[in-house]
Amino acid sequence: MLPDLTQYLWIAWLVLALLFVIAELVTLEFTFLMLAAGTLLGGLGVNLLGGPWWLQVAAAAAVSALLLFTIRPLLLRVLHRGKERALTNVDALYGMGARVVAPFVDDLGSVRLDNGETWTARLSADTPAVGVGVGDRVRVVSVLGSAVEVSSSPQPERTSDDG
């Protein structure tokens, strides 16, 4: 004879909610927090009211889905309010300053970007090759595969005491 394990289902709901909370602490995106709340409110709530196991699972899934699609977007919007999107990889290169380290010959040269990387560079159409020499400041206009397109920089060079 097998014992009726449904009387201990409340323990499974608590353990599942605890696992979701631990996963949330790793991800910090409110997804697992919504699943934990759905588990506690739906699954454990229906269990404590005496509902069958299939109703507990359905209630946990419904409450979790409701929280994921209603509360989570609001929480994320409040959390990220006032923050600018952080540019990374190639997107961060647009508009970055650079210094010419090799002369431009046939519109190809080499520049050292302000982030320390050295790139092959092409001059933009509006920049004359004779106006840009080694040591001059330029600005990245676009990224062309493994090269950057630069134009002469109208901004004054920053010094360390500018902030």
Protein backbone atom coordinates (compact mmCIF):
# COMPACT_ATOMS: atom_id res chain seq x y z
CA MET A 1 0.00 0.00 0.00
CA LEU A 2 1.34 3.39 -0.96
CA PRO A 3 0.67 6.28 1.41
CA ASP A 4 -1.26 9.31 0.18
CA LEU A 5 1.50 11.86 -0.41
CA THR A 6 -0.86 14.68 -1.36
CA GLN A 7 -1.15 15.60 2.30
CA TYR A 8 2.52 16.66 2.19
CA LEU A 9 2.19 18.67 -1.02
CA TRP A 10 2.43 21.92 0.94
CA ILE A 11 6.08 21.08 1.67
CA ALA A 12 6.76 20.73 -2.07
CA TRP A 13 5.19 24.17 -2.70
CA LEU A 14 7.40 25.77 -0.05
CA VAL A 15 10.55 24.09 -1.38
CA LEU A 16 9.70 25.12 -4.95
CA ALA A 17 9.10 28.73 -3.85
CA LEU A 18 12.43 28.71 -1.99
CA LEU A 19 14.24 27.42 -5.09
CA PHE A 20 12.64 30.18 -7.18
CA VAL A 21 13.76 32.82 -4.68
CA ILE A 22 17.32 31.48 -4.75
CA ALA A 23 17.29 31.54 -8.56
CA GLU A 24 15.99 35.13 -8.43
CA LEU A 25 18.92 36.17 -6.27
CA VAL A 26 21.22 34.99 -9.07
CA THR A 27 19.36 36.56 -12.02
CA LEU A 28 17.83 39.75 -10.53
CA GLU A 29 15.27 40.12 -13.32
CA PHE A 30 12.05 39.53 -11.31
CA THR A 31 11.14 36.44 -13.38
CA PHE A 32 11.76 33.84 -10.71
CA LEU A 33 10.33 36.18 -8.07
CA MET A 34 7.02 36.18 -9.97
CA LEU A 35 7.17 32.38 -10.22
CA ALA A 36 7.82 32.14 -6.47
CA ALA A 37 4.87 34.41 -5.71
CA GLY A 38 2.64 32.39 -8.03
CA THR A 39 3.79 29.21 -6.33
CA LEU A 40 2.99 30.58 -2.89
CA LEU A 41 -0.25 32.36 -3.75
CA GLY A 42 -1.65 29.88 -6.24
CA GLY A 43 -0.21 26.50 -5.35
CA LEU A 44 0.14 26.77 -1.58
CA GLY A 45 -2.99 28.92 -1.27
CA VAL A 46 -5.20 26.36 -3.00
CA ASN A 47 -3.49 23.58 -1.02
CA LEU A 48 -4.34 25.27 2.28
CA LEU A 49 -7.94 25.70 1.12
CA GLY A 50 -8.12 21.94 0.45
CA GLY A 51 -8.09 21.94 -3.36
CA PRO A 52 -6.95 18.92 -5.39
CA TRP A 53 -3.36 18.74 -6.71
CA TRP A 54 -4.31 19.53 -10.30
CA LEU A 55 -6.14 22.68 -9.20
CA GLN A 56 -3.07 23.71 -7.18
CA VAL A 57 -0.85 23.35 -10.25
CA ALA A 58 -3.33 25.25 -12.44
CA ALA A 59 -3.68 28.06 -9.90
CA ALA A 60 0.10 28.35 -9.48
CA ALA A 61 0.57 28.54 -13.26
CA ALA A 62 -2.23 31.10 -13.69
CA VAL A 63 -1.05 33.37 -10.88
CA SER A 64 2.57 33.14 -12.05
CA ALA A 65 1.58 34.05 -15.63
CA LEU A 66 -0.56 36.92 -14.39
CA LEU A 67 2.29 38.30 -12.30
CA LEU A 68 4.86 37.81 -15.09
CA PHE A 69 2.82 39.78 -17.61
CA THR A 70 1.44 42.51 -15.33
CA ILE A 71 3.61 43.22 -12.28
CA ARG A 72 7.05 42.34 -13.69
CA PRO A 73 7.02 44.95 -16.51
CA LEU A 74 5.98 47.63 -14.01
CA LEU A 75 8.77 46.67 -11.62
CA LEU A 76 11.36 46.69 -14.43
CA ARG A 77 10.17 50.08 -15.64
CA VAL A 78 10.49 51.56 -12.13
CA LEU A 79 13.88 49.91 -11.61
CA HIS A 80 15.35 51.25 -14.88
CA ARG A 81 13.76 54.71 -14.74
CA GLY A 82 16.22 57.48 -15.53
CA LYS A 83 18.97 55.18 -16.76
CA GLU A 84 20.43 55.56 -20.20
CA ARG A 85 21.01 52.45 -22.24
CA ALA A 86 24.66 51.46 -21.85
CA LEU A 87 26.38 51.23 -25.21
CA THR A 88 28.67 48.25 -25.67
CA ASN A 89 30.88 46.70 -28.34
CA VAL A 90 30.66 48.40 -31.74
CA ASP A 91 27.81 50.69 -30.64
CA ALA A 92 30.15 52.36 -28.13
CA LEU A 93 32.60 53.36 -30.89
CA TYR A 94 30.30 55.82 -32.69
CA GLY A 95 31.35 59.38 -31.82
CA MET A 96 34.42 58.25 -29.86
CA GLY A 97 37.54 60.38 -30.15
CA ALA A 98 40.82 59.04 -31.51
CA ARG A 99 44.38 60.11 -32.31
CA VAL A 100 46.03 59.40 -35.66
CA VAL A 101 49.04 57.10 -35.18
CA ALA A 102 49.90 56.32 -38.83
CA PRO A 103 49.56 58.72 -41.77
CA PHE A 104 46.69 58.36 -44.20
CA VAL A 105 47.79 57.02 -47.57
CA ASP A 106 45.04 56.60 -50.17
CA ASP A 107 42.50 57.40 -47.42
CA LEU A 108 43.72 54.51 -45.21
CA GLY A 109 45.59 55.03 -41.95
CA SER A 110 45.65 53.94 -38.34
CA VAL A 111 44.12 55.53 -35.25
CA ARG A 112 44.26 54.83 -31.53
CA LEU A 113 40.80 55.19 -30.02
CA ASP A 114 40.26 56.84 -26.64
CA ASN A 115 39.54 53.38 -25.19
CA GLY A 116 43.12 52.30 -26.10
CA GLU A 117 42.34 50.14 -29.14
CA THR A 118 44.20 50.67 -32.41
CA TRP A 119 42.05 50.44 -35.54
CA THR A 120 42.57 50.73 -39.27
CA ALA A 121 40.83 53.92 -40.32
CA ARG A 122 39.35 55.45 -43.45
CA LEU A 123 38.74 59.15 -43.87
CA SER A 124 35.15 60.23 -44.33
CA ALA A 125 34.21 61.97 -47.58
CA ASP A 126 34.04 65.41 -45.91
CA THR A 127 37.59 65.25 -44.50
CA PRO A 128 40.52 66.09 -46.77
CA ALA A 129 43.52 63.77 -46.43
CA VAL A 130 45.97 66.67 -46.38
CA GLY A 131 44.23 68.17 -43.32
CA VAL A 132 44.85 65.14 -41.06
CA GLY A 133 48.33 64.22 -39.89
CA VAL A 134 49.93 61.97 -37.29
CA GLY A 135 48.97 63.12 -33.78
CA ASP A 136 45.79 64.92 -34.88
CA ARG A 137 42.49 64.24 -33.13
CA VAL A 138 39.67 62.64 -35.12
CA ARG A 139 36.20 61.33 -34.34
CA VAL A 140 34.68 57.95 -35.29
CA VAL A 141 31.78 58.42 -37.71
CA SER A 142 31.00 54.77 -38.49
CA VAL A 143 32.34 51.24 -38.27
CA LEU A 144 33.09 49.46 -41.53
CA GLY A 145 33.80 45.87 -40.60
CA SER A 146 37.31 45.82 -39.17
CA ALA A 147 37.94 49.50 -39.89
CA VAL A 148 36.48 52.76 -38.63
CA GLU A 149 35.53 55.79 -40.68
CA VAL A 150 36.79 58.99 -39.08
CA SER A 151 36.45 62.71 -39.64
CA SER A 152 38.39 65.63 -38.23
CA SER A 153 37.34 66.35 -34.66
CA PRO A 154 35.88 69.81 -33.96
CA GLN A 155 35.96 69.31 -30.15
CA PRO A 156 38.97 70.51 -28.18
CA GLU A 157 41.17 67.81 -26.70
CA ARG A 158 40.30 66.84 -23.11
CA THR A 159 42.95 67.08 -20.46
CA SER A 160 43.07 65.18 -17.19
CA ASP A 161 41.95 68.19 -15.12
CA ASP A 162 38.75 68.71 -17.21
CA GLY A 163 36.97 66.10 -15.12
